[in-house]
């Protein structure tokens, strides 16, 4: 049978355990620092493009843009949306949306979210709405072109504006490109 030894009587075992825990923590910190360094060094080599003086950086599957402390994330960069035809170049700029409610109608959740992510910091609020004359299954308020209203639908690629309504149309595979084209115009990236 073993004797019971108090911690005071066996300081070697206590010091040995503290040393092991301390070394394990130092090892974990060194591995974390090395991992962080490798991760950041990969970002320096990531793809970048400059478009009209704006720098877009590829981050996984998205393009990131910083303007005056605001970070914008896009599925496409401006070069990828250049083939979009029938885009009006006299679209309202972001200043016309400042501190006003923005209503959105879209059956495509990704397209709607792309717009919300980009303009929500400028508008008073974003809300779903149903276009006047259309029957919507959801219980959304009915809005018309006297409101700031973005209507996203499937069809031939085009962006048009009528009073306060912006109509964004695109095929299912190109709809996000058309939405990004709209945002680039509104933010003044494309003129």
Foldseek 3Di string as FASTA:
>chain_A
DDDDDDCVRCVVVVVVVVVVVVVVVVVVVVVVVVVVVVVVVVQVPFDWDAFLNWIWTDDPQWTWTDDPNDIAIANDDPVVLVVQPAEDLPDAALVVQAAAEAEEEDPDPVLVVNVCRQNVVGYVHYYYEDEPPDDDPDPHHYDYLCGQYEYEEEDRAHWDDDRNYIYGYYHPVCSSSSSVVVSCSRHVSDD
